[in-house]
């Protein structure tokens, strides 16, 4: 009888501990399926940058990277947050659909493509920062925090003083593993959002589609204390498999910054080639 009670107590304790520390337990499991790919590092070194490519094979439950230490560091999400910002905008009714018109206020903006009225879908693809700053302000602090908690998106630092910039500067952080976890839950319909929002977003995320693959994702670029940090996150679907990716890189001193907008995607595609994904 005593043995039965002890076993029962152990099972109850283990069950409660697992539920309480679910995310920590998940992190420990990752050590069993991490594969270091030295060719990824060669790609990065050749490009005169530093950082990491992280690719997750959904079917095989395996992660591939050149630097798993880098992948666990938190960085500002920058414009990759437009994925989450768009989801929250649609869910709250702040934006009706992908064709909602966002009016230009006539103010000079960083890029000419931003100096015009844009529909929501184009504002996403042009990565129009002022457009999304207005959207964030309309969503408001209370709703933003509520949805960020519900969606379990990184560790965002949001208040009334930074509602329009918290993803671009400040203390908000997200890791490459967290980016992939969020995208995977989105892709597998595990986020607590409507089917309508999910459908709109999956269409908006598509970057390229051909006979070999369909690439969906978003880039991001932040400058903090003079340091440039770049993202490319998303997923790629082939005829037989789906892979999720989160690339995070920073330029070395001798890097030509005119190449930075393109290098994030280019090295990710080369990493796909290395794994024979494309």
C-alpha atoms as a PDB file:
ATOM      1  CA  UNK A   1       0.000   0.000   0.000  1.00  0.00           C
ATOM      2  CA  UNK A   2       2.875   2.336   0.895  1.00  0.00           C
ATOM      3  CA  UNK A   3       4.607   1.608  -2.413  1.00  0.00           C
ATOM      4  CA  UNK A   4       1.422   2.402  -4.325  1.00  0.00           C
ATOM      5  CA  UNK A   5       1.064   5.732  -2.525  1.00  0.00           C
ATOM      6  CA  UNK A   6       4.695   6.639  -3.160  1.00  0.00           C
ATOM      7  CA  UNK A   7       4.369   5.849  -6.877  1.00  0.00           C
ATOM      8  CA  UNK A   8       1.123   7.827  -7.120  1.00  0.00           C
ATOM      9  CA  UNK A   9       2.712  10.788  -5.357  1.00  0.00           C
ATOM     10  CA  UNK A  10       5.718  10.663  -7.715  1.00  0.00           C
ATOM     11  CA  UNK A  11       3.470  10.583 -10.799  1.00  0.00           C
ATOM     12  CA  UNK A  12       1.416  13.547  -9.562  1.00  0.00           C
ATOM     13  CA  UNK A  13       4.564  15.520  -8.700  1.00  0.00           C
ATOM     14  CA  UNK A  14       6.216  14.781 -12.055  1.00  0.00           C
ATOM     15  CA  UNK A  15       3.030  15.679 -13.953  1.00  0.00           C
ATOM     16  CA  UNK A  16       2.656  19.014 -12.174  1.00  0.00           C
ATOM     17  CA  UNK A  17       6.345  19.853 -12.599  1.00  0.00           C
ATOM     18  CA  UNK A  18       6.196  19.106 -16.329  1.00  0.00           C
ATOM     19  CA  UNK A  19       3.180  21.356 -16.812  1.00  0.00           C
ATOM     20  CA  UNK A  20       4.677  24.170 -14.777  1.00  0.00           C
ATOM     21  CA  UNK A  21       8.033  24.060 -16.543  1.00  0.00           C
ATOM     22  CA  UNK A  22       6.832  23.113 -20.006  1.00  0.00           C
ATOM     23  CA  UNK A  23       8.959  25.619 -21.884  1.00  0.00           C
ATOM     24  CA  UNK A  24      12.115  24.711 -19.929  1.00  0.00           C
ATOM     25  CA  UNK A  25      11.492  21.030 -20.561  1.00  0.00           C
ATOM     26  CA  UNK A  26      11.098  21.738 -24.265  1.00  0.00           C
ATOM     27  CA  UNK A  27      14.428  23.577 -24.316  1.00  0.00           C
ATOM     28  CA  UNK A  28      16.195  20.571 -22.762  1.00  0.00           C
ATOM     29  CA  UNK A  29      14.766  18.255 -25.409  1.00  0.00           C
ATOM     30  CA  UNK A  30      16.384  20.400 -28.084  1.00  0.00           C
ATOM     31  CA  UNK A  31      19.828  19.163 -27.077  1.00  0.00           C
ATOM     32  CA  UNK A  32      18.892  15.729 -28.427  1.00  0.00           C
ATOM     33  CA  UNK A  33      18.139  16.906 -31.951  1.00  0.00           C
ATOM     34  CA  UNK A  34      20.685  19.630 -32.722  1.00  0.00           C
ATOM     35  CA  UNK A  35      23.045  19.121 -35.638  1.00  0.00           C
ATOM     36  CA  UNK A  36      26.007  21.439 -36.221  1.00  0.00           C
ATOM     37  CA  UNK A  37      26.552  22.208 -39.907  1.00  0.00           C
ATOM     38  CA  UNK A  38      30.035  23.555 -40.514  1.00  0.00           C
ATOM     39  CA  UNK A  39      29.133  24.541 -44.080  1.00  0.00           C
ATOM     40  CA  UNK A  40      26.728  27.140 -42.642  1.00  0.00           C
ATOM     41  CA  UNK A  41      29.681  28.791 -40.899  1.00  0.00           C
ATOM     42  CA  UNK A  42      31.662  28.788 -44.148  1.00  0.00           C
ATOM     43  CA  UNK A  43      28.744  30.555 -45.889  1.00  0.00           C
ATOM     44  CA  UNK A  44      28.648  33.196 -43.141  1.00  0.00           C
ATOM     45  CA  UNK A  45      32.418  33.699 -43.096  1.00  0.00           C
ATOM     46  CA  UNK A  46      32.532  34.125 -46.876  1.00  0.00           C
ATOM     47  CA  UNK A  47      29.866  36.826 -46.610  1.00  0.00           C
ATOM     48  CA  UNK A  48      31.968  38.840 -44.094  1.00  0.00           C
ATOM     49  CA  UNK A  49      29.300  38.678 -41.431  1.00  0.00           C
ATOM     50  CA  UNK A  50      28.838  36.868 -38.134  1.00  0.00           C
ATOM     51  CA  UNK A  51      25.786  35.150 -36.716  1.00  0.00           C
ATOM     52  CA  UNK A  52      23.796  31.995 -37.176  1.00  0.00           C
ATOM     53  CA  UNK A  53      21.396  30.217 -39.490  1.00  0.00           C
ATOM     54  CA  UNK A  54      18.871  27.994 -37.720  1.00  0.00           C
ATOM     55  CA  UNK A  55      16.764  25.572 -39.758  1.00  0.00           C
ATOM     56  CA  UNK A  56      14.140  23.235 -38.313  1.00  0.00           C
ATOM     57  CA  UNK A  57      12.994  20.090 -40.121  1.00  0.00           C
ATOM     58  CA  UNK A  58       9.371  19.697 -39.060  1.00  0.00           C
ATOM     59  CA  UNK A  59       8.956  16.048 -40.064  1.00  0.00           C
ATOM     60  CA  UNK A  60      12.273  14.870 -38.596  1.00  0.00           C
ATOM     61  CA  UNK A  61      12.114  17.195 -35.561  1.00  0.00           C
ATOM     62  CA  UNK A  62      15.744  18.253 -36.071  1.00  0.00           C
ATOM     63  CA  UNK A  63      17.519  21.598 -35.837  1.00  0.00           C
ATOM     64  CA  UNK A  64      20.491  22.538 -37.996  1.00  0.00           C
ATOM     65  CA  UNK A  65      22.825  25.450 -37.265  1.00  0.00           C
ATOM     66  CA  UNK A  66      26.417  26.625 -37.312  1.00  0.00           C
ATOM     67  CA  UNK A  67      26.215  28.227 -33.857  1.00  0.00           C
ATOM     68  CA  UNK A  68      23.652  27.086 -31.292  1.00  0.00           C
ATOM     69  CA  UNK A  69      24.988  29.549 -28.719  1.00  0.00           C
ATOM     70  CA  UNK A  70      24.104  32.475 -30.997  1.00  0.00           C
ATOM     71  CA  UNK A  71      20.643  31.027 -31.709  1.00  0.00           C
ATOM     72  CA  UNK A  72      19.730  31.216 -28.024  1.00  0.00           C
ATOM     73  CA  UNK A  73      20.635  34.899 -27.676  1.00  0.00           C
ATOM     74  CA  UNK A  74      17.783  37.405 -27.670  1.00  0.00           C
ATOM     75  CA  UNK A  75      17.648  40.290 -30.158  1.00  0.00           C
ATOM     76  CA  UNK A  76      15.176  43.005 -31.079  1.00  0.00           C
ATOM     77  CA  UNK A  77      12.671  41.455 -33.504  1.00  0.00           C
ATOM     78  CA  UNK A  78      12.740  44.544 -35.761  1.00  0.00           C
ATOM     79  CA  UNK A  79      10.466  44.156 -38.794  1.00  0.00           C
ATOM     80  CA  UNK A  80       9.974  40.427 -38.272  1.00  0.00           C
ATOM     81  CA  UNK A  81       7.485  41.690 -35.671  1.00  0.00           C
ATOM     82  CA  UNK A  82       5.288  42.820 -38.558  1.00  0.00           C
ATOM     83  CA  UNK A  83       4.077  39.211 -38.723  1.00  0.00           C
ATOM     84  CA  UNK A  84       2.777  39.372 -35.161  1.00  0.00           C
ATOM     85  CA  UNK A  85       1.682  43.006 -35.447  1.00  0.00           C
ATOM     86  CA  UNK A  86      -0.370  42.058 -38.521  1.00  0.00           C
ATOM     87  CA  UNK A  87      -1.991  39.120 -36.741  1.00  0.00           C
ATOM     88  CA  UNK A  88      -2.973  41.303 -33.787  1.00  0.00           C
ATOM     89  CA  UNK A  89      -4.232  44.062 -36.111  1.00  0.00           C
ATOM     90  CA  UNK A  90      -6.507  41.591 -37.912  1.00  0.00           C
ATOM     91  CA  UNK A  91      -7.695  39.902 -34.725  1.00  0.00           C
ATOM     92  CA  UNK A  92      -8.605  43.204 -33.046  1.00  0.00           C
ATOM     93  CA  UNK A  93     -10.279  44.623 -36.156  1.00  0.00           C
ATOM     94  CA  UNK A  94      -7.723  47.451 -36.284  1.00  0.00           C
ATOM     95  CA  UNK A  95      -7.211  46.385 -39.893  1.00  0.00           C
ATOM     96  CA  UNK A  96     -10.094  44.727 -41.731  1.00  0.00           C
ATOM     97  CA  UNK A  97      -8.225  42.660 -44.318  1.00  0.00           C
ATOM     98  CA  UNK A  98      -5.217  42.561 -46.645  1.00  0.00           C
ATOM     99  CA  UNK A  99      -6.799  45.242 -48.874  1.00  0.00           C
ATOM    100  CA  UNK A 100      -7.422  47.811 -46.132  1.00  0.00           C
ATOM    101  CA  UNK A 101      -6.089  51.189 -47.287  1.00  0.00           C
ATOM    102  CA  UNK A 102      -3.469  52.860 -45.096  1.00  0.00           C
ATOM    103  CA  UNK A 103      -3.331  56.562 -45.947  1.00  0.00           C
ATOM    104  CA  UNK A 104      -0.016  58.395 -46.242  1.00  0.00           C
ATOM    105  CA  UNK A 105       0.106  61.516 -44.049  1.00  0.00           C
ATOM    106  CA  UNK A 106       2.223  63.434 -46.574  1.00  0.00           C
ATOM    107  CA  UNK A 107       5.295  63.437 -44.334  1.00  0.00           C
ATOM    108  CA  UNK A 108       8.701  62.596 -45.825  1.00  0.00           C
ATOM    109  CA  UNK A 109       9.652  59.019 -45.158  1.00  0.00           C
ATOM    110  CA  UNK A 110      12.867  56.994 -45.331  1.00  0.00           C
ATOM    111  CA  UNK A 111      11.927  55.255 -48.603  1.00  0.00           C
ATOM    112  CA  UNK A 112       9.959  56.524 -51.591  1.00  0.00           C
ATOM    113  CA  UNK A 113       7.859  53.358 -51.581  1.00  0.00           C
ATOM    114  CA  UNK A 114       6.511  54.446 -48.183  1.00  0.00           C
ATOM    115  CA  UNK A 115       5.474  57.897 -49.473  1.00  0.00           C
ATOM    116  CA  UNK A 116       2.110  56.804 -50.839  1.00  0.00           C
ATOM    117  CA  UNK A 117      -1.187  55.296 -49.783  1.00  0.00           C
ATOM    118  CA  UNK A 118      -0.652  51.567 -49.321  1.00  0.00           C
ATOM    119  CA  UNK A 119      -2.990  48.652 -48.862  1.00  0.00           C
ATOM    120  CA  UNK A 120      -2.175  46.480 -45.861  1.00  0.00           C
ATOM    121  CA  UNK A 121      -0.597  43.684 -47.925  1.00  0.00           C
ATOM    122  CA  UNK A 122       1.766  46.102 -49.685  1.00  0.00           C
ATOM    123  CA  UNK A 123       2.655  47.862 -46.425  1.00  0.00           C
ATOM    124  CA  UNK A 124       3.773  44.448 -45.145  1.00  0.00           C
ATOM    125  CA  UNK A 125       5.846  43.621 -48.224  1.00  0.00           C
ATOM    126  CA  UNK A 126       7.379  47.106 -48.402  1.00  0.00           C
ATOM    127  CA  UNK A 127       8.030  46.800 -44.645  1.00  0.00           C
ATOM    128  CA  UNK A 128       6.538  50.257 -44.109  1.00  0.00           C
ATOM    129  CA  UNK A 129       7.628  51.162 -40.574  1.00  0.00           C
ATOM    130  CA  UNK A 130       5.438  54.308 -40.217  1.00  0.00           C
ATOM    131  CA  UNK A 131       2.389  52.290 -41.336  1.00  0.00           C
ATOM    132  CA  UNK A 132       2.935  49.694 -38.639  1.00  0.00           C
ATOM    133  CA  UNK A 133       3.726  52.319 -36.019  1.00  0.00           C
ATOM    134  CA  UNK A 134       0.271  53.788 -36.602  1.00  0.00           C
ATOM    135  CA  UNK A 135      -1.279  50.327 -36.451  1.00  0.00           C
ATOM    136  CA  UNK A 136       0.450  49.605 -33.124  1.00  0.00           C
ATOM    137  CA  UNK A 137      -0.788  52.890 -31.649  1.00  0.00           C
ATOM    138  CA  UNK A 138      -4.347  52.075 -32.748  1.00  0.00           C
ATOM    139  CA  UNK A 139      -4.130  48.609 -31.186  1.00  0.00           C
ATOM    140  CA  UNK A 140      -3.046  50.245 -27.934  1.00  0.00           C
ATOM    141  CA  UNK A 141      -0.905  49.099 -25.022  1.00  0.00           C
ATOM    142  CA  UNK A 142      -3.525  47.027 -23.213  1.00  0.00           C
ATOM    143  CA  UNK A 143      -4.560  44.933 -26.217  1.00  0.00           C
ATOM    144  CA  UNK A 144      -0.993  44.634 -27.468  1.00  0.00           C
ATOM    145  CA  UNK A 145       0.234  43.196 -24.165  1.00  0.00           C
ATOM    146  CA  UNK A 146      -2.761  40.873 -23.918  1.00  0.00           C
ATOM    147  CA  UNK A 147      -2.194  39.400 -27.376  1.00  0.00           C
ATOM    148  CA  UNK A 148       1.573  39.150 -26.995  1.00  0.00           C
ATOM    149  CA  UNK A 149       1.043  37.128 -23.817  1.00  0.00           C
ATOM    150  CA  UNK A 150      -1.619  34.964 -25.449  1.00  0.00           C
ATOM    151  CA  UNK A 151       0.499  34.339 -28.552  1.00  0.00           C
ATOM    152  CA  UNK A 152       3.622  33.685 -26.428  1.00  0.00           C
ATOM    153  CA  UNK A 153       5.819  35.817 -28.650  1.00  0.00           C
ATOM    154  CA  UNK A 154       9.326  36.323 -27.252  1.00  0.00           C
ATOM    155  CA  UNK A 155       9.856  38.738 -24.385  1.00  0.00           C
ATOM    156  CA  UNK A 156       8.446  42.094 -25.429  1.00  0.00           C
ATOM    157  CA  UNK A 157       8.797  45.222 -23.291  1.00  0.00           C
ATOM    158  CA  UNK A 158       5.714  47.348 -24.021  1.00  0.00           C
ATOM    159  CA  UNK A 159       4.279  50.413 -22.322  1.00  0.00           C
ATOM    160  CA  UNK A 160       2.645  53.731 -23.206  1.00  0.00           C
ATOM    161  CA  UNK A 161       6.002  55.389 -23.898  1.00  0.00           C
ATOM    162  CA  UNK A 162       7.178  52.899 -26.547  1.00  0.00           C
ATOM    163  CA  UNK A 163       4.037  51.395 -28.110  1.00  0.00           C
ATOM    164  CA  UNK A 164       5.179  52.514 -31.585  1.00  0.00           C
ATOM    165  CA  UNK A 165       8.849  51.498 -31.318  1.00  0.00           C
ATOM    166  CA  UNK A 166       9.200  48.613 -28.821  1.00  0.00           C
ATOM    167  CA  UNK A 167      10.139  46.113 -31.537  1.00  0.00           C
ATOM    168  CA  UNK A 168      12.769  48.449 -33.042  1.00  0.00           C
ATOM    169  CA  UNK A 169      14.586  49.690 -29.949  1.00  0.00           C
ATOM    170  CA  UNK A 170      14.624  49.151 -26.204  1.00  0.00           C
ATOM    171  CA  UNK A 171      14.630  45.926 -24.201  1.00  0.00           C
ATOM    172  CA  UNK A 172      12.323  43.673 -26.277  1.00  0.00           C
ATOM    173  CA  UNK A 173      14.021  40.390 -27.174  1.00  0.00           C
ATOM    174  CA  UNK A 174      13.362  37.219 -29.134  1.00  0.00           C
ATOM    175  CA  UNK A 175      15.679  34.299 -29.922  1.00  0.00           C
ATOM    176  CA  UNK A 176      15.941  32.307 -33.140  1.00  0.00           C
ATOM    177  CA  UNK A 177      14.430  29.288 -31.395  1.00  0.00           C
ATOM    178  CA  UNK A 178      11.489  31.429 -30.267  1.00  0.00           C
ATOM    179  CA  UNK A 179      10.999  32.784 -33.785  1.00  0.00           C
ATOM    180  CA  UNK A 180      10.762  29.233 -35.156  1.00  0.00           C
ATOM    181  CA  UNK A 181       8.506  28.078 -32.329  1.00  0.00           C
ATOM    182  CA  UNK A 182       6.089  30.937 -33.045  1.00  0.00           C
ATOM    183  CA  UNK A 183       6.101  30.305 -36.799  1.00  0.00           C
ATOM    184  CA  UNK A 184       5.615  26.575 -36.316  1.00  0.00           C
ATOM    185  CA  UNK A 185       2.584  27.115 -34.088  1.00  0.00           C
ATOM    186  CA  UNK A 186       1.212  29.585 -36.614  1.00  0.00           C
ATOM    187  CA  UNK A 187       1.759  27.187 -39.526  1.00  0.00           C
ATOM    188  CA  UNK A 188       0.164  24.265 -37.683  1.00  0.00           C
ATOM    189  CA  UNK A 189      -2.898  26.323 -36.673  1.00  0.00           C
ATOM    190  CA  UNK A 190      -1.941  26.177 -32.990  1.00  0.00           C
ATOM    191  CA  UNK A 191      -2.122  29.907 -32.323  1.00  0.00           C
ATOM    192  CA  UNK A 192      -5.333  31.118 -30.651  1.00  0.00           C
ATOM    193  CA  UNK A 193      -6.398  33.143 -33.702  1.00  0.00           C
ATOM    194  CA  UNK A 194      -9.213  32.890 -36.225  1.00  0.00           C
ATOM    195  CA  UNK A 195      -8.960  30.793 -39.369  1.00  0.00           C
ATOM    196  CA  UNK A 196      -9.640  33.976 -41.325  1.00  0.00           C
ATOM    197  CA  UNK A 197      -6.626  35.778 -39.861  1.00  0.00           C
ATOM    198  CA  UNK A 198      -4.426  32.737 -40.404  1.00  0.00           C
ATOM    199  CA  UNK A 199      -5.506  32.444 -44.034  1.00  0.00           C
ATOM    200  CA  UNK A 200      -4.864  36.144 -44.755  1.00  0.00           C
ATOM    201  CA  UNK A 201      -1.450  36.010 -43.117  1.00  0.00           C
ATOM    202  CA  UNK A 202      -0.338  32.852 -44.913  1.00  0.00           C
ATOM    203  CA  UNK A 203      -1.038  34.597 -48.221  1.00  0.00           C
ATOM    204  CA  UNK A 204       0.710  37.804 -47.153  1.00  0.00           C
ATOM    205  CA  UNK A 205       3.817  35.928 -46.030  1.00  0.00           C
ATOM    206  CA  UNK A 206       4.557  34.364 -49.422  1.00  0.00           C
ATOM    207  CA  UNK A 207       7.762  35.799 -50.899  1.00  0.00           C
ATOM    208  CA  UNK A 208       8.439  33.419 -53.767  1.00  0.00           C
ATOM    209  CA  UNK A 209       6.752  30.399 -55.311  1.00  0.00           C
ATOM    210  CA  UNK A 210       8.044  28.166 -58.102  1.00  0.00           C
ATOM    211  CA  UNK A 211       8.025  24.528 -59.197  1.00  0.00           C
ATOM    212  CA  UNK A 212      10.521  23.526 -56.506  1.00  0.00           C
ATOM    213  CA  UNK A 213       9.389  25.401 -53.388  1.00  0.00           C
ATOM    214  CA  UNK A 214       7.195  28.053 -51.789  1.00  0.00           C
ATOM    215  CA  UNK A 215       9.081  30.494 -49.574  1.00  0.00           C
ATOM    216  CA  UNK A 216       7.236  32.508 -46.901  1.00  0.00           C
ATOM    217  CA  UNK A 217       8.740  34.910 -44.398  1.00  0.00           C
ATOM    218  CA  UNK A 218       9.872  38.354 -43.323  1.00  0.00           C
ATOM    219  CA  UNK A 219      13.153  40.210 -42.913  1.00  0.00           C
ATOM    220  CA  UNK A 220      14.083  42.599 -40.113  1.00  0.00           C
ATOM    221  CA  UNK A 221      16.849  45.097 -39.388  1.00  0.00           C
ATOM    222  CA  UNK A 222      17.580  46.944 -36.152  1.00  0.00           C
ATOM    223  CA  UNK A 223      20.361  49.357 -35.194  1.00  0.00           C
ATOM    224  CA  UNK A 224      21.134  49.482 -31.480  1.00  0.00           C
ATOM    225  CA  UNK A 225      24.041  51.461 -30.038  1.00  0.00           C
ATOM    226  CA  UNK A 226      25.494  51.645 -33.547  1.00  0.00           C
ATOM    227  CA  UNK A 227      25.307  47.873 -34.032  1.00  0.00           C
ATOM    228  CA  UNK A 228      23.376  46.487 -36.988  1.00  0.00           C
ATOM    229  CA  UNK A 229      21.427  43.264 -36.536  1.00  0.00           C
ATOM    230  CA  UNK A 230      19.520  41.540 -39.327  1.00  0.00           C
ATOM    231  CA  UNK A 231      16.831  38.845 -39.431  1.00  0.00           C
ATOM    232  CA  UNK A 232      15.240  36.581 -42.005  1.00  0.00           C
ATOM    233  CA  UNK A 233      12.565  34.269 -40.606  1.00  0.00           C
ATOM    234  CA  UNK A 234       9.889  32.082 -42.127  1.00  0.00           C
ATOM    235  CA  UNK A 235       9.290  28.660 -43.611  1.00  0.00           C
ATOM    236  CA  UNK A 236       9.871  26.897 -46.901  1.00  0.00           C
ATOM    237  CA  UNK A 237       7.568  24.225 -48.320  1.00  0.00           C
ATOM    238  CA  UNK A 238       8.743  21.658 -50.847  1.00  0.00           C
ATOM    239  CA  UNK A 239       6.725  18.872 -52.461  1.00  0.00           C
ATOM    240  CA  UNK A 240       7.417  16.558 -49.542  1.00  0.00           C
ATOM    241  CA  UNK A 241       8.577  18.547 -46.507  1.00  0.00           C
ATOM    242  CA  UNK A 242       8.357  21.804 -44.576  1.00  0.00           C
ATOM    243  CA  UNK A 243      11.298  23.569 -42.954  1.00  0.00           C
ATOM    244  CA  UNK A 244      11.269  26.589 -40.654  1.00  0.00           C
ATOM    245  CA  UNK A 245      14.171  29.013 -40.478  1.00  0.00           C
ATOM    246  CA  UNK A 246      15.484  31.948 -38.488  1.00  0.00           C
ATOM    247  CA  UNK A 247      18.662  33.643 -39.667  1.00  0.00           C
ATOM    248  CA  UNK A 248      20.244  36.316 -37.483  1.00  0.00           C
ATOM    249  CA  UNK A 249      23.419  38.101 -38.570  1.00  0.00           C
ATOM    250  CA  UNK A 250      25.560  41.149 -37.935  1.00  0.00           C
ATOM    251  CA  UNK A 251      28.057  42.748 -40.349  1.00  0.00           C
ATOM    252  CA  UNK A 252      31.778  42.705 -39.695  1.00  0.00           C
ATOM    253  CA  UNK A 253      33.683  45.983 -39.817  1.00  0.00           C
ATOM    254  CA  UNK A 254      34.747  45.623 -43.442  1.00  0.00           C
ATOM    255  CA  UNK A 255      31.247  44.719 -44.669  1.00  0.00           C
ATOM    256  CA  UNK A 256      29.599  46.725 -47.479  1.00  0.00           C
ATOM    257  CA  UNK A 257      26.318  47.800 -45.833  1.00  0.00           C
ATOM    258  CA  UNK A 258      24.638  48.238 -49.226  1.00  0.00           C
ATOM    259  CA  UNK A 259      24.592  44.424 -49.348  1.00  0.00           C
ATOM    260  CA  UNK A 260      22.992  43.949 -45.936  1.00  0.00           C
ATOM    261  CA  UNK A 261      19.347  43.953 -47.105  1.00  0.00           C
ATOM    262  CA  UNK A 262      20.100  41.079 -49.531  1.00  0.00           C
ATOM    263  CA  UNK A 263      22.662  39.052 -47.582  1.00  0.00           C
ATOM    264  CA  UNK A 264      20.162  37.716 -45.017  1.00  0.00           C
ATOM    265  CA  UNK A 265      18.077  35.989 -47.663  1.00  0.00           C
ATOM    266  CA  UNK A 266      21.063  34.946 -49.774  1.00  0.00           C
ATOM    267  CA  UNK A 267      22.876  33.077 -47.010  1.00  0.00           C
ATOM    268  CA  UNK A 268      19.632  31.390 -45.956  1.00  0.00           C
ATOM    269  CA  UNK A 269      19.054  30.111 -49.489  1.00  0.00           C
ATOM    270  CA  UNK A 270      22.647  28.845 -49.596  1.00  0.00           C
ATOM    271  CA  UNK A 271      22.007  27.016 -46.331  1.00  0.00           C
ATOM    272  CA  UNK A 272      18.933  25.405 -47.935  1.00  0.00           C
ATOM    273  CA  UNK A 273      21.129  24.284 -50.815  1.00  0.00           C
ATOM    274  CA  UNK A 274      23.647  22.798 -48.381  1.00  0.00           C
ATOM    275  CA  UNK A 275      20.897  20.652 -46.835  1.00  0.00           C
ATOM    276  CA  UNK A 276      19.569  19.868 -50.344  1.00  0.00           C
ATOM    277  CA  UNK A 277      16.219  21.434 -49.477  1.00  0.00           C
ATOM    278  CA  UNK A 278      16.247  23.322 -52.797  1.00  0.00           C
END
